[in-house]
Structure formats: C-alpha cells, structure tokens
Amino acid sequence: MQQLSVERASAISVVAARAQEEIARAIVGKEQVVELLLVALLCEGHVLLEDVPGTGKTTLARAVAAALGCSFQRIQFTPDLLPSDVTGLSFFNQKLGEFQFRRGPIFAQVVLTDEINRATPRTQSALLEAMQERTVTIDGETRPLPRPFLVLATQNPVELEGTFPLPEAQLDRFLLRLQLGYPSVEEEEEILQRYERASPLEAIAPVLSAEELRGLQVEVRAVGVAPVVRRYIVELVRATRAHPDVELGASPRGSLALYQTAQARAALRGRTFVLPDDVKALAEPVLNHRLLLSPEARLRGRSPSAVLAQILAQTPAPVESAPPG
C-alpha cells in the first residue's frame, strides 16, 4: 500500500478538528478522550468507558454518532437481558405464513451498551461475535452489521453488587479503555450554562458521512511506521509478559492495537508517519485492560497503569522514527 500523502494527512486532520468542534458543543473539556474516541473510530475498534454515573458517557456517545453521521442505538444492560434482546430474533409472521427476522439494537453503527457488567455472561458473550467479526449469526444465518461499527460499553467501577465482571476474552476485544473523570470547577459551570435551556446535542451537525468515514479508515492504514518504531511497539508489549508483577501480559492483539492506534493518532495530527510519542501516549489506554496482575502485586496495591509507566520508563524509545521516503 502506498504511504499516505501529506495532503491527505492534512485533510484528515481538518476533518478531525471539525468533528471535535461539533462534539465540544455537548461535551465540555475532555479533548483527550474525544481524540482517543476518534482514534478508535478510525481503527474501527471498540471502547470501554469506565467511570461513575453522571460523567457524560451517554452524552459523549450520542455526540460522536451525531458528528460523524452514524446511526445510534443504546442498550441498557440488566441481569434479565437476553442475547436475543441484543442481536434480534426470528419469529413466525402468521399473516405472511413465514418466519421473519426482527433486528436487535446491535444493528447500528454506534452502539452504546450501558452498564455492560450488569448483564449475565451469556448475554455479554452475545457481543463477542459482533465485536470481532462485525456479524451476527442467528438460526444458522450470518448477517453483516452496518459499517462502520463501534461498540461503546460503559461500566461503573465503584458499584459491584449485582454485576458480572467481564472475562479476559471480552476485555481483549476492546481497543481502548477510557475514563472521563469529573470536570473542573470552570468546566462544570460551563456545563450548567450550556444545558440551561436546551440540550446542545440537537445543534450538532455531521461533518462527514458514514461512507466517508469508511474511506478514512482505509487511508489511515497507509500511515508510515518506521522499523525502529515497530520494534519499539513489540518490545513494549513483550515487556508486559516478562514483568514480575504481571501474571498475564498483553497478547499479539495488543501489539496490533497499539500499532493501528498510533497510525490513527498520527493521521489525526496531520502526520504521514508515526512518532514514538504516539506509541507512548496510547500505551496506557490500549494495554491497561489487557494486563492481569499477580495476586501478590494486587495485595501490594500495584495497578496496571503503574506497571505500564514503569515499562515505558525502562524501555528505550527510538530517536529517529520517520520512515524513509
């Protein structure tokens, strides 16, 4: 594949800036989180938003869908939710005398699965095929999901009663894990002003179509990655497997995720090649949820973020990173 041109990289950066401006109509601050969501969209990866209620997770998902011209569905996960409530089901239409398929809410381009850890493992697993294959198989028939396809899942890290923790296999399907956090005093005052009369979500205008977004996803894959940067990514991920505090490190899927998100971040910033700084900035949100710490490390209060910070500090970054040509 021919390397992304400077002109196209600049064009992607302009579109991303316009999308961020539209999303900022409803979301005050959180520029870094918004950029990471755009990175996930360009990689067509899924995002786990982990934060307490009321921090704007649902509003963020709706704003992203509106700014990018994508269809949107929200699924409230509860313990009694069935897999068919997510994927849809076949039913017998007595008037027509035949079986028909009723699509579930998973058939949308941006799907918000709210409080995903409240659903049973059986229902959670209904998402696995959709997230990985972008298809849904019911009654032996495989149906494609609309593209682009992005799952934004939320979970409350504080309230654990009546929840079912996500298994490692499902956590690994998420490209990024993000936290919004509480706004600052100034940001919270601005939120009150913006929402005083009407929801700013209604004023968001799409900056591109879903088809144009699909084209950008293809172009981002052409961002150049120098061999030394590629080796740096591999060394970081492999270091997670050898760290004494880690029982289970990141898999090759983690390496690929870090590689592709670095390409997307470079394109969003108008560059045709990846810098080591792109890799460093994305290591925590990409790898954090892919590490399983040892029981001893957890007892000592160690966190995946602290382990990753140590690995980043101990792994030498390449100096020259621009690919030739």
Protein backbone atom coordinates (compact mmCIF):
# COMPACT_ATOMS: atom_id res chain seq x y z
CA MET A 1 0.00 0.00 0.00
CA GLN A 2 1.30 3.45 -0.94
CA GLN A 3 2.14 5.68 2.02
CA LEU A 4 -0.39 8.33 2.99
CA SER A 5 0.30 11.64 1.27
CA VAL A 6 0.87 14.88 3.13
CA GLU A 7 -2.24 16.37 1.53
CA ARG A 8 -4.48 13.52 2.70
CA ALA A 9 -2.99 13.57 6.19
CA SER A 10 -3.73 17.29 6.38
CA ALA A 11 -7.29 16.68 5.16
CA ILE A 12 -7.88 14.01 7.83
CA SER A 13 -6.58 16.40 10.46
CA VAL A 14 -9.00 19.12 9.29
CA VAL A 15 -11.99 16.75 9.37
CA ALA A 16 -11.00 15.54 12.85
CA ALA A 17 -10.75 19.11 14.12
CA ARG A 18 -14.24 19.86 12.77
CA ALA A 19 -15.62 16.72 14.42
CA GLN A 20 -14.03 17.68 17.74
CA GLU A 21 -15.60 21.14 17.47
CA GLU A 22 -19.05 19.63 16.94
CA ILE A 23 -18.64 17.16 19.79
CA ALA A 24 -17.44 20.02 22.02
CA ARG A 25 -20.90 21.59 21.68
CA ALA A 26 -22.20 18.92 24.05
CA ILE A 27 -19.03 17.81 25.85
CA VAL A 28 -17.14 20.41 27.86
CA GLY A 29 -13.41 19.70 28.08
CA LYS A 30 -12.30 16.07 27.67
CA GLU A 31 -10.38 16.89 24.48
CA GLN A 32 -8.00 13.98 25.01
CA VAL A 33 -10.88 11.50 25.50
CA VAL A 34 -12.60 12.78 22.36
CA GLU A 35 -9.38 12.42 20.35
CA LEU A 36 -8.99 8.85 21.58
CA LEU A 37 -12.57 8.07 20.57
CA LEU A 38 -11.82 9.37 17.08
CA VAL A 39 -8.70 7.18 17.06
CA ALA A 40 -10.90 4.18 17.88
CA LEU A 41 -13.34 5.10 15.11
CA LEU A 42 -10.55 5.37 12.54
CA CYS A 43 -9.37 1.91 13.62
CA GLU A 44 -12.97 0.64 13.81
CA GLY A 45 -12.23 -0.55 17.33
CA HIS A 46 -14.42 -0.68 20.41
CA VAL A 47 -14.13 1.39 23.58
CA LEU A 48 -14.81 0.61 27.24
CA LEU A 49 -15.78 3.74 29.17
CA GLU A 50 -15.25 3.06 32.85
CA ASP A 51 -16.47 5.76 35.20
CA VAL A 52 -19.07 6.65 37.81
CA PRO A 53 -22.61 7.64 36.69
CA GLY A 54 -23.29 11.19 35.56
CA THR A 55 -19.92 12.00 33.98
CA GLY A 56 -21.31 12.24 30.44
CA LYS A 57 -20.65 8.82 28.94
CA THR A 58 -24.04 8.55 27.19
CA THR A 59 -23.90 12.16 26.01
CA LEU A 60 -20.42 11.57 24.60
CA ALA A 61 -21.59 8.52 22.64
CA ARG A 62 -24.56 10.40 21.19
CA ALA A 63 -22.39 13.39 20.29
CA VAL A 64 -19.85 11.21 18.46
CA ALA A 65 -22.57 9.47 16.46
CA ALA A 66 -24.20 12.78 15.53
CA ALA A 67 -20.94 14.46 14.50
CA LEU A 68 -19.94 11.54 12.26
CA GLY A 69 -23.32 10.94 10.66
CA CYS A 70 -23.69 7.44 12.14
CA SER A 71 -26.83 5.63 13.29
CA PHE A 72 -27.05 5.21 17.06
CA GLN A 73 -28.62 2.69 19.43
CA ARG A 74 -28.48 2.39 23.21
CA ILE A 75 -28.84 -0.93 25.06
CA GLN A 76 -29.42 -0.85 28.82
CA PHE A 77 -27.81 -3.99 30.18
CA THR A 78 -29.64 -5.65 33.10
CA PRO A 79 -29.44 -9.13 34.67
CA ASP A 80 -32.64 -10.25 32.87
CA LEU A 81 -31.49 -9.08 29.41
CA LEU A 82 -31.43 -11.96 26.91
CA PRO A 83 -28.99 -12.41 24.00
CA SER A 84 -31.94 -12.06 21.58
CA ASP A 85 -32.68 -8.65 23.12
CA VAL A 86 -29.30 -7.57 21.76
CA THR A 87 -28.97 -9.39 18.45
CA GLY A 88 -32.63 -9.81 17.43
CA LEU A 89 -34.66 -12.94 16.76
CA SER A 90 -36.64 -14.87 14.16
CA PHE A 91 -40.42 -15.00 14.68
CA PHE A 92 -43.28 -16.57 12.79
CA ASN A 93 -45.42 -13.98 11.00
CA GLN A 94 -48.90 -15.50 10.93
CA LYS A 95 -50.18 -13.06 8.30
CA LEU A 96 -47.41 -13.96 5.87
CA GLY A 97 -47.13 -17.57 6.99
CA GLU A 98 -43.35 -17.43 7.22
CA PHE A 99 -40.50 -16.70 9.61
CA GLN A 100 -39.11 -13.17 9.67
CA PHE A 101 -36.07 -11.70 11.34
CA ARG A 102 -36.51 -8.76 13.70
CA ARG A 103 -33.24 -6.88 14.05
CA GLY A 104 -31.96 -6.11 17.51
CA PRO A 105 -30.36 -2.81 18.59
CA ILE A 106 -26.90 -4.18 17.76
CA PHE A 107 -27.68 -3.33 14.11
CA ALA A 108 -26.43 0.25 14.31
CA GLN A 109 -23.14 1.96 13.54
CA VAL A 110 -22.57 3.32 17.05
CA VAL A 111 -23.95 1.09 19.81
CA LEU A 112 -23.87 2.20 23.45
CA THR A 113 -24.05 -0.79 25.78
CA ASP A 114 -24.78 0.85 29.11
CA GLU A 115 -23.55 -0.89 32.28
CA ILE A 116 -22.32 -3.91 30.36
CA ASN A 117 -21.19 -5.66 33.54
CA ARG A 118 -24.79 -5.91 34.79
CA ALA A 119 -25.73 -8.47 32.13
CA THR A 120 -25.12 -12.19 32.58
CA PRO A 121 -22.08 -13.79 30.93
CA ARG A 122 -24.41 -15.42 28.38
CA THR A 123 -25.67 -12.02 27.21
CA GLN A 124 -22.22 -10.48 27.35
CA SER A 125 -20.95 -13.25 25.07
CA ALA A 126 -23.62 -12.31 22.50
CA LEU A 127 -21.45 -9.27 21.80
CA LEU A 128 -18.28 -11.26 21.09
CA GLU A 129 -19.07 -12.22 17.50
CA ALA A 130 -20.46 -8.76 16.75
CA MET A 131 -17.36 -7.01 18.12
CA GLN A 132 -14.82 -9.28 16.47
CA GLU A 133 -16.44 -10.36 13.20
CA ARG A 134 -18.92 -7.50 12.63
CA THR A 135 -21.59 -10.14 12.03
CA VAL A 136 -24.47 -11.74 13.92
CA THR A 137 -25.38 -15.42 13.47
CA ILE A 138 -28.93 -16.48 14.34
CA ASP A 139 -30.60 -19.75 13.38
CA GLY A 140 -27.61 -20.68 11.25
CA GLU A 141 -27.73 -17.50 9.15
CA THR A 142 -24.94 -14.94 9.40
CA ARG A 143 -25.97 -11.32 8.93
CA PRO A 144 -23.47 -8.46 8.47
CA LEU A 145 -23.63 -5.44 10.74
CA PRO A 146 -23.61 -1.91 9.32
CA ARG A 147 -20.20 -0.34 8.83
CA PRO A 148 -18.51 1.46 10.38
CA PHE A 149 -19.37 -0.40 13.59
CA LEU A 150 -18.36 0.82 17.04
CA VAL A 151 -19.39 -0.52 20.46
CA LEU A 152 -19.10 1.96 23.32
CA ALA A 153 -19.55 0.00 26.53
CA THR A 154 -19.85 1.62 29.96
CA GLN A 155 -19.41 0.17 33.40
CA ASN A 156 -19.40 1.59 36.92
CA PRO A 157 -16.14 0.64 38.67
CA VAL A 158 -17.49 1.50 42.14
CA GLU A 159 -20.81 -0.35 42.38
CA LEU A 160 -20.01 -4.08 42.23
CA GLU A 161 -23.15 -5.63 43.76
CA GLY A 162 -25.21 -7.49 41.17
CA THR A 163 -22.53 -7.26 38.47
CA PHE A 164 -20.72 -9.84 36.35
CA PRO A 165 -17.09 -8.85 35.67
CA LEU A 166 -16.11 -9.01 32.01
CA PRO A 167 -13.98 -12.06 31.17
CA GLU A 168 -10.47 -11.56 29.81
CA ALA A 169 -11.54 -12.71 26.33
CA GLN A 170 -14.13 -9.94 26.11
CA LEU A 171 -11.91 -7.26 27.64
CA ASP A 172 -9.32 -8.04 24.97
CA ARG A 173 -11.91 -7.20 22.28
CA PHE A 174 -11.94 -3.57 23.39
CA LEU A 175 -9.38 -1.43 21.60
CA LEU A 176 -9.25 1.20 24.36
CA ARG A 177 -10.34 1.61 27.95
CA LEU A 178 -11.00 5.23 28.90
CA GLN A 179 -12.11 7.25 31.91
CA LEU A 180 -13.81 10.63 31.69
CA GLY A 181 -13.40 11.81 35.27
CA TYR A 182 -15.14 14.72 36.93
CA PRO A 183 -14.97 18.16 35.26
CA SER A 184 -13.08 21.08 36.77
CA VAL A 185 -14.94 23.90 38.53
CA GLU A 186 -14.87 26.07 35.42
CA GLU A 187 -15.99 23.20 33.17
CA GLU A 188 -18.88 22.32 35.48
CA GLU A 189 -20.07 25.92 35.48
CA GLU A 190 -19.96 25.94 31.67
CA ILE A 191 -21.99 22.70 31.60
CA LEU A 192 -24.71 24.41 33.63
CA GLN A 193 -24.77 27.33 31.22
CA ARG A 194 -24.89 25.19 28.07
CA TYR A 195 -27.70 22.98 29.34
CA GLU A 196 -29.70 25.85 30.85
CA ARG A 197 -32.40 25.92 28.15
CA ALA A 198 -31.95 23.01 25.73
CA SER A 199 -29.64 20.09 25.05
CA PRO A 200 -26.68 21.07 22.83
CA LEU A 201 -26.90 17.62 21.23
CA GLU A 202 -29.65 18.94 18.97
CA ALA A 203 -27.26 21.51 17.49
CA ILE A 204 -24.57 19.01 16.44
CA ALA A 205 -24.23 18.74 12.67
CA PRO A 206 -22.47 15.83 10.92
CA VAL A 207 -19.09 16.75 9.44
CA LEU A 208 -18.93 13.70 7.16
CA SER A 209 -20.97 10.69 6.18
CA ALA A 210 -20.53 7.11 7.34
CA GLU A 211 -19.25 6.22 3.84
CA GLU A 212 -16.59 8.95 4.03
CA LEU A 213 -15.56 7.67 7.46
CA ARG A 214 -15.08 4.21 5.96
CA GLY A 215 -12.75 5.76 3.39
CA LEU A 216 -10.71 7.45 6.12
CA GLN A 217 -10.37 4.13 7.95
CA VAL A 218 -8.71 2.67 4.87
CA GLU A 219 -6.42 5.68 4.39
CA VAL A 220 -5.16 5.61 7.97
CA ARG A 221 -3.67 2.16 7.38
CA ALA A 222 -1.25 3.84 4.94
CA VAL A 223 0.43 5.94 7.66
CA GLY A 224 4.11 5.02 7.69
CA VAL A 225 5.71 3.20 10.63
CA ALA A 226 9.49 3.01 10.70
CA PRO A 227 11.06 -0.39 11.54
CA VAL A 228 12.55 1.04 14.77
CA VAL A 229 9.09 2.22 15.91
CA ARG A 230 7.57 -1.13 15.00
CA ARG A 231 10.25 -2.86 17.09
CA TYR A 232 9.58 -0.39 19.94
CA ILE A 233 5.89 -1.39 19.95
CA VAL A 234 6.82 -5.09 20.07
CA GLU A 235 9.32 -4.53 22.88
CA LEU A 236 6.77 -2.65 24.99
CA VAL A 237 4.14 -5.35 24.62
CA ARG A 238 6.59 -8.19 25.23
CA ALA A 239 7.81 -6.40 28.36
CA THR A 240 4.32 -6.74 29.83
CA ARG A 241 4.65 -10.53 29.59
CA ALA A 242 8.03 -10.60 31.38
CA HIS A 243 7.22 -8.13 34.18
CA PRO A 244 7.35 -9.79 37.64
CA ASP A 245 4.06 -8.15 38.74
CA VAL A 246 2.12 -9.39 35.70
CA GLU A 247 0.53 -12.82 35.62
CA LEU A 248 -0.84 -12.46 32.09
CA GLY A 249 0.59 -9.86 29.71
CA ALA A 250 -0.78 -8.32 26.53
CA SER A 251 -1.28 -10.64 23.54
CA PRO A 252 -0.28 -10.02 19.90
CA ARG A 253 -3.75 -8.46 19.56
CA GLY A 254 -2.44 -5.80 21.94
CA SER A 255 0.58 -5.22 19.70
CA LEU A 256 -1.66 -4.80 16.68
CA ALA A 257 -3.96 -2.46 18.59
CA LEU A 258 -1.04 -0.26 19.64
CA TYR A 259 0.30 -0.24 16.07
CA GLN A 260 -3.01 0.74 14.46
CA THR A 261 -3.97 3.36 17.06
CA ALA A 262 -0.55 5.00 16.66
CA GLN A 263 -1.21 5.25 12.92
CA ALA A 264 -4.62 6.83 13.56
CA ARG A 265 -3.24 9.33 16.08
CA ALA A 266 -0.53 10.40 13.65
CA ALA A 267 -3.12 10.94 10.89
CA LEU A 268 -5.39 12.93 13.22
CA ARG A 269 -2.46 15.24 13.89
CA GLY A 270 -1.70 15.69 10.20
CA ARG A 271 1.37 13.46 10.00
CA THR A 272 2.21 10.76 7.48
CA PHE A 273 4.34 8.75 9.90
CA VAL A 274 4.20 7.53 13.50
CA LEU A 275 6.36 9.03 16.24
CA PRO A 276 7.45 7.22 19.42
CA ASP A 277 5.38 9.82 21.28
CA ASP A 278 2.26 8.41 19.60
CA VAL A 279 3.09 4.99 20.99
CA LYS A 280 3.82 6.36 24.46
CA ALA A 281 0.55 8.33 24.58
CA LEU A 282 -1.51 5.27 23.61
CA ALA A 283 0.24 2.57 25.64
CA GLU A 284 -1.89 3.09 28.76
CA PRO A 285 -5.39 3.21 27.19
CA VAL A 286 -4.54 0.37 24.78
CA LEU A 287 -2.77 -2.02 27.17
CA ASN A 288 -4.17 -1.20 30.62
CA HIS A 289 -7.14 -3.58 30.45
CA ARG A 290 -5.10 -6.35 28.82
CA LEU A 291 -2.87 -6.94 31.86
CA LEU A 292 -3.71 -9.37 34.64
CA LEU A 293 -1.59 -8.63 37.70
CA SER A 294 -0.42 -11.34 40.07
CA PRO A 295 -2.28 -11.70 43.40
CA GLU A 296 0.84 -10.54 45.26
CA ALA A 297 1.05 -7.36 43.16
CA ARG A 298 -2.64 -6.60 43.77
CA LEU A 299 -2.16 -7.08 47.52
CA ARG A 300 0.67 -4.54 47.40
CA GLY A 301 -1.67 -2.06 45.72
CA ARG A 302 0.01 -2.17 42.31
CA SER A 303 -2.08 -1.15 39.29
CA PRO A 304 -1.72 -1.90 35.56
CA SER A 305 -1.17 1.82 34.98
CA ALA A 306 1.80 1.86 37.38
CA VAL A 307 3.27 -1.23 35.71
CA LEU A 308 2.92 0.34 32.26
CA ALA A 309 4.52 3.58 33.46
CA GLN A 310 7.49 1.56 34.73
CA ILE A 311 7.77 -0.35 31.45
CA LEU A 312 7.67 2.89 29.43
CA ALA A 313 10.40 4.37 31.62
CA GLN A 314 12.63 1.30 31.27
CA THR A 315 12.17 0.68 27.53
CA PRO A 316 14.40 2.96 25.40
CA ALA A 317 12.46 4.85 22.73
CA PRO A 318 13.94 5.19 19.24
CA VAL A 319 15.38 8.58 18.32
CA GLU A 320 14.87 8.54 14.55
CA SER A 321 11.38 7.38 13.63
CA ALA A 322 10.34 8.91 10.29
CA PRO A 323 10.10 6.18 7.63
CA PRO A 324 12.31 6.60 4.58
CA GLY A 325 10.72 8.22 1.56
